[in-house]
Amino acid sequence: MRYYLSLGSNLGQRRRNLRLALDELAEMGRWITYSAVYETEPVGFTDQPPFLNMLGLFDTDLRPFRLLRKIKSLETRLGRRYTRRYGPRPIDIDIIEYEGEVIRSGLLNIPHLEWQKRNFVLHPFKEIKADFVTREGRPLKRLLEQCEDRSWVKLVSERL
């Protein structure tokens, strides 16, 4: 199954955290492609350091809930502690979209409920799949044009 995964870090050695997450995820499947690294303004709770964010297209045999369990375990191993919603964290990995049916549960929502409203997801998404169209038929280009998120996003590195 192919998944779009968003990765972010704003604590510790941010680039190293992203690299470790990419490498550990690669043990569960394979990266088809992933974006450059972007530095981004925090959203929600803004009194925290800026994030490094990226997005990748990932292929694995894992079904969505199994992948989610493995992602949560990986986040914990890399130092994430769930203390505050939108708070600072060494790693954050979200399943944004995938090729299967819509999932709505207390544990997992695919497509991710907020991704179309977040610059830190839209900009790297455009880089790896500019012609993406949502399940509702909305082109990614239109999402970017209509996005109300005014937080800044800066390209910082072509590759990790």
N, C-alpha and C. Protein backbone atom coordinates (compact mmCIF):
# COMPACT_ATOMS: atom_id res chain seq x y z
N MET A 1 0.84 -1.18 0.00
CA MET A 1 0.00 0.00 0.00
C MET A 1 0.89 1.24 0.00
N ARG A 2 0.41 2.26 -0.67
CA ARG A 2 1.17 3.51 -0.73
C ARG A 2 0.52 4.55 0.18
N TYR A 3 1.37 5.21 0.96
CA TYR A 3 0.94 6.20 1.93
C TYR A 3 1.71 7.49 1.72
N TYR A 4 1.05 8.62 1.95
CA TYR A 4 1.74 9.90 2.06
C TYR A 4 1.92 10.16 3.55
N LEU A 5 3.19 10.28 3.97
CA LEU A 5 3.52 10.50 5.37
C LEU A 5 4.16 11.86 5.55
N SER A 6 3.70 12.58 6.56
CA SER A 6 4.29 13.87 6.93
C SER A 6 5.17 13.66 8.15
N LEU A 7 6.39 14.20 8.10
CA LEU A 7 7.32 14.09 9.22
C LEU A 7 7.72 15.48 9.68
N GLY A 8 7.80 15.67 10.99
CA GLY A 8 8.21 16.96 11.53
C GLY A 8 9.00 16.78 12.81
N SER A 9 9.84 17.79 13.11
CA SER A 9 10.64 17.78 14.34
C SER A 9 10.95 19.21 14.74
N ASN A 10 10.81 19.51 16.04
CA ASN A 10 11.24 20.84 16.50
C ASN A 10 11.98 20.79 17.83
N LEU A 11 12.40 19.62 18.27
CA LEU A 11 13.20 19.50 19.48
C LEU A 11 14.46 18.69 19.20
N GLY A 12 15.54 19.05 19.87
CA GLY A 12 16.77 18.30 19.72
C GLY A 12 17.42 18.55 18.37
N GLN A 13 18.09 17.55 17.86
CA GLN A 13 18.75 17.64 16.56
C GLN A 13 17.72 17.31 15.49
N ARG A 14 17.04 18.33 15.02
CA ARG A 14 15.89 18.15 14.15
C ARG A 14 16.20 17.36 12.88
N ARG A 15 17.27 17.69 12.20
CA ARG A 15 17.63 16.98 10.96
C ARG A 15 17.93 15.51 11.27
N ARG A 16 18.66 15.28 12.34
CA ARG A 16 18.98 13.90 12.75
C ARG A 16 17.69 13.14 13.07
N ASN A 17 16.76 13.78 13.76
CA ASN A 17 15.49 13.12 14.09
C ASN A 17 14.74 12.69 12.83
N LEU A 18 14.69 13.58 11.84
CA LEU A 18 14.03 13.24 10.58
C LEU A 18 14.74 12.08 9.88
N ARG A 19 16.08 12.14 9.85
CA ARG A 19 16.85 11.08 9.20
C ARG A 19 16.62 9.73 9.87
N LEU A 20 16.63 9.72 11.21
CA LEU A 20 16.38 8.48 11.94
C LEU A 20 14.99 7.93 11.63
N ALA A 21 14.01 8.81 11.59
CA ALA A 21 12.65 8.38 11.28
C ALA A 21 12.57 7.80 9.87
N LEU A 22 13.18 8.47 8.90
CA LEU A 22 13.20 7.95 7.52
C LEU A 22 13.83 6.56 7.48
N ASP A 23 14.96 6.41 8.15
CA ASP A 23 15.67 5.13 8.14
C ASP A 23 14.88 4.02 8.82
N GLU A 24 14.28 4.33 9.95
CA GLU A 24 13.49 3.31 10.67
C GLU A 24 12.24 2.93 9.88
N LEU A 25 11.60 3.90 9.27
CA LEU A 25 10.43 3.60 8.44
C LEU A 25 10.83 2.73 7.24
N ALA A 26 12.01 2.95 6.70
CA ALA A 26 12.48 2.17 5.56
C ALA A 26 12.62 0.69 5.92
N GLU A 27 12.74 0.38 7.19
CA GLU A 27 12.79 -1.03 7.61
C GLU A 27 11.40 -1.67 7.58
N MET A 28 10.35 -0.85 7.45
CA MET A 28 8.97 -1.34 7.40
C MET A 28 8.42 -1.36 5.97
N GLY A 29 9.16 -0.80 5.04
CA GLY A 29 8.72 -0.69 3.66
C GLY A 29 9.80 -0.01 2.86
N ARG A 30 9.39 0.80 1.88
CA ARG A 30 10.40 1.53 1.10
C ARG A 30 9.86 2.91 0.73
N TRP A 31 10.77 3.86 0.69
CA TRP A 31 10.43 5.21 0.26
C TRP A 31 10.44 5.26 -1.26
N ILE A 32 9.37 5.69 -1.84
CA ILE A 32 9.32 5.91 -3.28
C ILE A 32 9.98 7.25 -3.59
N THR A 33 9.61 8.24 -2.80
CA THR A 33 10.23 9.57 -2.90
C THR A 33 9.90 10.33 -1.62
N TYR A 34 10.68 11.36 -1.37
CA TYR A 34 10.32 12.29 -0.30
C TYR A 34 10.84 13.67 -0.65
N SER A 35 10.23 14.65 -0.01
CA SER A 35 10.50 16.05 -0.34
C SER A 35 11.81 16.53 0.27
N ALA A 36 12.13 17.75 -0.08
CA ALA A 36 13.18 18.49 0.61
C ALA A 36 12.70 18.77 2.03
N VAL A 37 13.56 19.40 2.80
CA VAL A 37 13.23 19.76 4.19
C VAL A 37 12.86 21.24 4.23
N TYR A 38 11.79 21.53 4.92
CA TYR A 38 11.28 22.89 5.07
C TYR A 38 11.28 23.27 6.54
N GLU A 39 11.71 24.50 6.83
CA GLU A 39 11.54 25.02 8.19
C GLU A 39 10.21 25.75 8.21
N THR A 40 9.43 25.50 9.26
CA THR A 40 8.06 26.00 9.29
C THR A 40 7.71 26.56 10.66
N GLU A 41 6.82 27.51 10.62
CA GLU A 41 6.30 28.12 11.84
C GLU A 41 5.36 27.14 12.53
N PRO A 42 5.45 27.01 13.86
CA PRO A 42 4.51 26.14 14.57
C PRO A 42 3.06 26.60 14.39
N VAL A 43 2.16 25.64 14.34
CA VAL A 43 0.73 25.91 14.20
C VAL A 43 0.05 25.43 15.47
N GLY A 44 -0.98 26.14 15.91
CA GLY A 44 -1.69 25.76 17.13
C GLY A 44 -1.04 26.42 18.32
N PHE A 45 -0.14 25.74 18.99
CA PHE A 45 0.63 26.29 20.10
C PHE A 45 1.90 26.90 19.50
N THR A 46 1.95 28.23 19.43
CA THR A 46 3.02 28.89 18.68
C THR A 46 4.25 29.25 19.52
N ASP A 47 4.19 29.14 20.84
CA ASP A 47 5.31 29.49 21.70
C ASP A 47 6.25 28.28 21.83
N GLN A 48 6.92 27.97 20.71
CA GLN A 48 7.85 26.84 20.65
C GLN A 48 8.77 27.05 19.45
N PRO A 49 9.86 26.29 19.39
CA PRO A 49 10.79 26.44 18.28
C PRO A 49 10.15 26.07 16.94
N PRO A 50 10.70 26.59 15.83
CA PRO A 50 10.20 26.21 14.51
C PRO A 50 10.46 24.73 14.23
N PHE A 51 9.68 24.20 13.32
CA PHE A 51 9.79 22.80 12.92
C PHE A 51 10.62 22.66 11.65
N LEU A 52 11.18 21.49 11.47
CA LEU A 52 11.62 21.03 10.18
C LEU A 52 10.56 20.02 9.74
N ASN A 53 10.06 20.17 8.52
CA ASN A 53 9.01 19.29 8.00
C ASN A 53 9.37 18.76 6.62
N MET A 54 8.81 17.62 6.31
CA MET A 54 8.95 17.02 4.99
C MET A 54 7.78 16.07 4.78
N LEU A 55 7.62 15.62 3.55
CA LEU A 55 6.55 14.69 3.22
C LEU A 55 7.10 13.65 2.26
N GLY A 56 6.66 12.41 2.44
CA GLY A 56 7.15 11.36 1.56
C GLY A 56 6.06 10.41 1.12
N LEU A 57 6.32 9.76 0.00
CA LEU A 57 5.46 8.70 -0.51
C LEU A 57 6.13 7.39 -0.14
N PHE A 58 5.41 6.58 0.63
CA PHE A 58 5.96 5.39 1.27
C PHE A 58 5.15 4.16 0.86
N ASP A 59 5.84 3.07 0.54
CA ASP A 59 5.19 1.83 0.13
C ASP A 59 5.48 0.75 1.16
N THR A 60 4.43 0.07 1.63
CA THR A 60 4.58 -0.99 2.62
C THR A 60 3.43 -1.98 2.50
N ASP A 61 3.64 -3.18 3.01
CA ASP A 61 2.57 -4.17 3.07
C ASP A 61 1.67 -3.96 4.28
N LEU A 62 2.07 -3.07 5.18
CA LEU A 62 1.31 -2.85 6.41
C LEU A 62 -0.02 -2.17 6.13
N ARG A 63 -1.06 -2.68 6.76
CA ARG A 63 -2.38 -2.05 6.69
C ARG A 63 -2.37 -0.81 7.58
N PRO A 64 -3.31 0.12 7.39
CA PRO A 64 -3.27 1.41 8.09
C PRO A 64 -3.14 1.35 9.62
N PHE A 65 -3.93 0.55 10.31
CA PHE A 65 -3.85 0.53 11.77
C PHE A 65 -2.55 -0.10 12.26
N ARG A 66 -2.03 -1.06 11.55
CA ARG A 66 -0.75 -1.66 11.91
C ARG A 66 0.38 -0.66 11.68
N LEU A 67 0.33 0.06 10.57
CA LEU A 67 1.33 1.10 10.32
C LEU A 67 1.25 2.17 11.41
N LEU A 68 0.06 2.58 11.78
CA LEU A 68 -0.09 3.58 12.83
C LEU A 68 0.56 3.10 14.13
N ARG A 69 0.33 1.86 14.53
CA ARG A 69 0.94 1.33 15.76
C ARG A 69 2.46 1.38 15.67
N LYS A 70 2.99 1.01 14.52
CA LYS A 70 4.45 1.04 14.36
C LYS A 70 4.99 2.48 14.38
N ILE A 71 4.25 3.41 13.78
CA ILE A 71 4.65 4.82 13.80
C ILE A 71 4.66 5.34 15.22
N LYS A 72 3.63 5.05 16.00
CA LYS A 72 3.56 5.53 17.39
C LYS A 72 4.71 4.96 18.22
N SER A 73 5.03 3.69 17.99
CA SER A 73 6.15 3.07 18.69
C SER A 73 7.46 3.74 18.30
N LEU A 74 7.64 4.02 17.03
CA LEU A 74 8.84 4.71 16.54
C LEU A 74 8.95 6.10 17.16
N GLU A 75 7.86 6.84 17.17
CA GLU A 75 7.88 8.18 17.78
C GLU A 75 8.33 8.10 19.24
N THR A 76 7.83 7.13 19.97
CA THR A 76 8.22 6.97 21.38
C THR A 76 9.70 6.64 21.50
N ARG A 77 10.19 5.72 20.66
CA ARG A 77 11.62 5.37 20.69
C ARG A 77 12.50 6.57 20.39
N LEU A 78 12.00 7.48 19.54
CA LEU A 78 12.80 8.66 19.18
C LEU A 78 12.58 9.82 20.15
N GLY A 79 11.89 9.57 21.26
CA GLY A 79 11.81 10.56 22.33
C GLY A 79 10.53 11.35 22.44
N ARG A 80 9.53 11.03 21.66
CA ARG A 80 8.28 11.79 21.74
C ARG A 80 7.53 11.43 23.02
N ARG A 81 7.05 12.46 23.71
CA ARG A 81 6.19 12.31 24.88
C ARG A 81 4.93 13.10 24.61
N TYR A 82 3.80 12.49 24.83
CA TYR A 82 2.51 13.14 24.54
C TYR A 82 2.09 13.95 25.75
N THR A 83 2.43 15.25 25.72
CA THR A 83 2.13 16.11 26.86
C THR A 83 1.13 17.21 26.53
N ARG A 84 1.22 17.79 25.37
CA ARG A 84 0.37 18.91 25.00
C ARG A 84 0.02 18.83 23.52
N ARG A 85 -1.26 19.03 23.20
CA ARG A 85 -1.67 19.03 21.80
C ARG A 85 -0.94 20.16 21.06
N TYR A 86 -0.36 19.84 19.93
CA TYR A 86 0.41 20.76 19.10
C TYR A 86 1.68 21.26 19.80
N GLY A 87 2.10 20.60 20.84
CA GLY A 87 3.30 21.01 21.58
C GLY A 87 4.58 20.59 20.88
N PRO A 88 5.72 21.01 21.44
CA PRO A 88 7.01 20.65 20.85
C PRO A 88 7.26 19.15 20.94
N ARG A 89 8.01 18.63 19.95
CA ARG A 89 8.29 17.20 19.92
C ARG A 89 9.51 16.91 19.04
N PRO A 90 10.28 15.90 19.43
CA PRO A 90 11.44 15.54 18.62
C PRO A 90 11.05 14.93 17.28
N ILE A 91 9.87 14.27 17.24
CA ILE A 91 9.42 13.69 15.98
C ILE A 91 7.90 13.61 15.98
N ASP A 92 7.33 13.85 14.82
CA ASP A 92 5.89 13.72 14.61
C ASP A 92 5.71 13.13 13.23
N ILE A 93 5.00 12.01 13.15
CA ILE A 93 4.77 11.35 11.87
C ILE A 93 3.27 11.16 11.72
N ASP A 94 2.72 11.69 10.65
CA ASP A 94 1.29 11.58 10.39
C ASP A 94 1.03 10.89 9.06
N ILE A 95 0.03 10.02 9.05
CA ILE A 95 -0.46 9.43 7.81
C ILE A 95 -1.43 10.45 7.22
N ILE A 96 -1.08 11.01 6.07
CA ILE A 96 -1.88 12.05 5.45
C ILE A 96 -2.94 11.47 4.52
N GLU A 97 -2.54 10.52 3.69
CA GLU A 97 -3.45 9.93 2.70
C GLU A 97 -2.88 8.59 2.29
N TYR A 98 -3.71 7.76 1.68
CA TYR A 98 -3.25 6.48 1.14
C TYR A 98 -4.22 6.03 0.06
N GLU A 99 -3.91 4.89 -0.56
CA GLU A 99 -4.68 4.45 -1.72
C GLU A 99 -5.93 3.66 -1.37
N GLY A 100 -6.22 3.46 -0.10
CA GLY A 100 -7.38 2.66 0.30
C GLY A 100 -8.60 3.50 0.61
N GLU A 101 -9.55 2.86 1.26
CA GLU A 101 -10.81 3.51 1.60
C GLU A 101 -10.62 4.55 2.70
N VAL A 102 -11.59 5.44 2.82
CA VAL A 102 -11.57 6.44 3.88
C VAL A 102 -11.67 5.74 5.23
N ILE A 103 -10.90 6.20 6.20
CA ILE A 103 -10.95 5.66 7.56
C ILE A 103 -11.31 6.81 8.51
N ARG A 104 -12.32 6.61 9.31
CA ARG A 104 -12.70 7.57 10.34
C ARG A 104 -12.90 6.79 11.64
N SER A 105 -11.99 6.97 12.57
CA SER A 105 -12.09 6.29 13.87
C SER A 105 -11.49 7.19 14.93
N GLY A 106 -11.63 6.79 16.18
CA GLY A 106 -11.03 7.54 17.27
C GLY A 106 -9.52 7.50 17.26
N LEU A 107 -8.96 6.50 16.59
CA LEU A 107 -7.51 6.34 16.54
C LEU A 107 -6.87 6.88 15.27
N LEU A 108 -7.60 6.82 14.18
CA LEU A 108 -7.00 7.13 12.88
C LEU A 108 -8.02 7.72 11.92
N ASN A 109 -7.62 8.78 11.25
CA ASN A 109 -8.43 9.40 10.20
C ASN A 109 -7.58 9.52 8.94
N ILE A 110 -8.01 8.84 7.88
CA ILE A 110 -7.35 8.96 6.58
C ILE A 110 -8.44 9.22 5.55
N PRO A 111 -8.34 10.31 4.79
CA PRO A 111 -7.32 11.34 4.82
C PRO A 111 -7.27 12.06 6.18
N HIS A 112 -6.08 12.52 6.50
CA HIS A 112 -5.89 13.30 7.73
C HIS A 112 -6.85 14.47 7.71
N LEU A 113 -7.46 14.77 8.83
CA LEU A 113 -8.51 15.78 8.88
C LEU A 113 -8.04 17.21 8.60
N GLU A 114 -6.79 17.53 8.91
CA GLU A 114 -6.31 18.91 8.81
C GLU A 114 -5.34 19.17 7.67
N TRP A 115 -4.92 18.16 6.94
CA TRP A 115 -3.80 18.35 6.03
C TRP A 115 -4.05 19.41 4.97
N GLN A 116 -5.27 19.55 4.49
CA GLN A 116 -5.55 20.51 3.43
C GLN A 116 -5.51 21.95 3.91
N LYS A 117 -5.38 22.15 5.21
CA LYS A 117 -5.35 23.48 5.81
C LYS A 117 -3.97 23.85 6.34
N ARG A 118 -2.95 23.06 6.03
CA ARG A 118 -1.63 23.25 6.63
C ARG A 118 -0.55 23.49 5.59
N ASN A 119 0.03 24.69 5.62
CA ASN A 119 1.14 25.01 4.71
C ASN A 119 2.29 24.02 4.84
N PHE A 120 2.58 23.58 6.07
CA PHE A 120 3.73 22.70 6.27
C PHE A 120 3.54 21.32 5.66
N VAL A 121 2.31 20.99 5.27
CA VAL A 121 2.04 19.75 4.53
C VAL A 121 1.89 20.06 3.04
N LEU A 122 1.18 21.12 2.71
CA LEU A 122 0.89 21.44 1.30
C LEU A 122 2.15 21.72 0.48
N HIS A 123 3.09 22.48 1.03
CA HIS A 123 4.29 22.84 0.26
C HIS A 123 5.15 21.62 -0.09
N PRO A 124 5.50 20.76 0.88
CA PRO A 124 6.26 19.57 0.47
C PRO A 124 5.44 18.61 -0.38
N PHE A 125 4.11 18.57 -0.17
CA PHE A 125 3.26 17.72 -1.00
C PHE A 125 3.34 18.16 -2.45
N LYS A 126 3.29 19.47 -2.67
CA LYS A 126 3.37 20.00 -4.04
C LYS A 126 4.69 19.59 -4.71
N GLU A 127 5.74 19.56 -3.92
CA GLU A 127 7.04 19.20 -4.47
C GLU A 127 7.07 17.76 -5.00
N ILE A 128 6.45 16.85 -4.28
CA ILE A 128 6.55 15.45 -4.70
C ILE A 128 5.39 14.97 -5.58
N LYS A 129 4.26 15.70 -5.56
CA LYS A 129 3.11 15.27 -6.37
C LYS A 129 2.25 16.49 -6.71
N ALA A 130 2.78 17.37 -7.54
CA ALA A 130 2.12 18.64 -7.88
C ALA A 130 0.75 18.44 -8.52
N ASP A 131 0.56 17.31 -9.19
CA ASP A 131 -0.72 17.08 -9.86
C ASP A 131 -1.72 16.28 -9.01
N PHE A 132 -1.45 16.17 -7.72
CA PHE A 132 -2.34 15.42 -6.83
C PHE A 132 -3.73 16.05 -6.82
N VAL A 133 -4.73 15.20 -6.79
CA VAL A 133 -6.13 15.62 -6.69
C VAL A 133 -6.75 14.87 -5.52
N THR A 134 -7.44 15.59 -4.63
CA THR A 134 -8.04 14.96 -3.46
C THR A 134 -9.19 14.04 -3.86
N ARG A 135 -9.66 13.29 -2.92
CA ARG A 135 -10.81 12.39 -3.16
C ARG A 135 -12.06 13.17 -3.56
N GLU A 136 -12.11 14.45 -3.15
CA GLU A 136 -13.25 15.30 -3.50
C GLU A 136 -13.06 16.00 -4.84
N GLY A 137 -11.94 15.73 -5.51
CA GLY A 137 -11.69 16.31 -6.83
C GLY A 137 -11.01 17.67 -6.79
N ARG A 138 -10.42 18.04 -5.67
CA ARG A 138 -9.75 19.34 -5.55
C ARG A 138 -8.26 19.20 -5.86
N PRO A 139 -7.77 19.90 -6.87
CA PRO A 139 -6.34 19.85 -7.20
C PRO A 139 -5.50 20.50 -6.09
N LEU A 140 -4.33 19.94 -5.87
CA LEU A 140 -3.42 20.46 -4.85
C LEU A 140 -3.12 21.94 -5.10
N LYS A 141 -2.96 22.31 -6.35
CA LYS A 141 -2.69 23.72 -6.68
C LYS A 141 -3.78 24.63 -6.12
N ARG A 142 -5.02 24.21 -6.25
CA ARG A 142 -6.14 25.01 -5.73
C ARG A 142 -6.11 25.06 -4.20
N LEU A 143 -5.77 23.95 -3.57
CA LEU A 143 -5.67 23.94 -2.10
C LEU A 143 -4.65 24.96 -1.62
N LEU A 144 -3.51 25.01 -2.30
CA LEU A 144 -2.48 25.99 -1.93
C LEU A 144 -2.97 27.42 -2.13
N GLU A 145 -3.65 27.67 -3.24
CA GLU A 145 -4.15 29.03 -3.52
C GLU A 145 -5.20 29.46 -2.51
N GLN A 146 -6.00 28.54 -2.03
CA GLN A 146 -7.10 28.87 -1.14
C GLN A 146 -6.78 28.66 0.34
N CYS A 147 -5.60 28.19 0.63
CA CYS A 147 -5.24 27.89 2.02
C CYS A 147 -5.22 29.17 2.86
N GLU A 148 -5.89 29.12 3.99
CA GLU A 148 -5.95 30.28 4.89
C GLU A 148 -4.82 30.29 5.91
N ASP A 149 -4.02 29.24 5.96
CA ASP A 149 -2.88 29.16 6.86
C ASP A 149 -1.82 30.17 6.38
N ARG A 150 -1.50 31.13 7.20
CA ARG A 150 -0.53 32.17 6.84
C ARG A 150 0.83 31.96 7.52
N SER A 151 1.05 30.78 8.10
CA SER A 151 2.33 30.51 8.73
C SER A 151 3.42 30.40 7.65
N TRP A 152 4.64 30.80 8.01
CA TRP A 152 5.71 30.80 7.03
C TRP A 152 6.29 29.39 6.84
N VAL A 153 6.80 29.18 5.63
CA VAL A 153 7.43 27.93 5.22
C VAL A 153 8.65 28.31 4.38
N LYS A 154 9.84 27.82 4.81
CA LYS A 154 11.07 28.13 4.08
C LYS A 154 11.79 26.84 3.71
N LEU A 155 12.17 26.72 2.45
CA LEU A 155 12.98 25.59 2.02
C LEU A 155 14.36 25.74 2.65
N VAL A 156 14.84 24.67 3.32
CA VAL A 156 16.16 24.75 3.97
C VAL A 156 17.16 23.74 3.42
N SER A 157 16.68 22.66 2.82
CA SER A 157 17.61 21.66 2.34
C SER A 157 16.95 20.83 1.26
N GLU A 158 17.63 20.63 0.16
CA GLU A 158 17.08 19.83 -0.93
C GLU A 158 16.90 18.37 -0.49
N ARG A 159 17.80 17.82 0.26
CA ARG A 159 17.72 16.44 0.72
C ARG A 159 18.36 16.30 2.10
N LEU A 160 17.95 15.29 2.80
CA LEU A 160 18.60 14.98 4.08
C LEU A 160 19.89 14.23 3.83
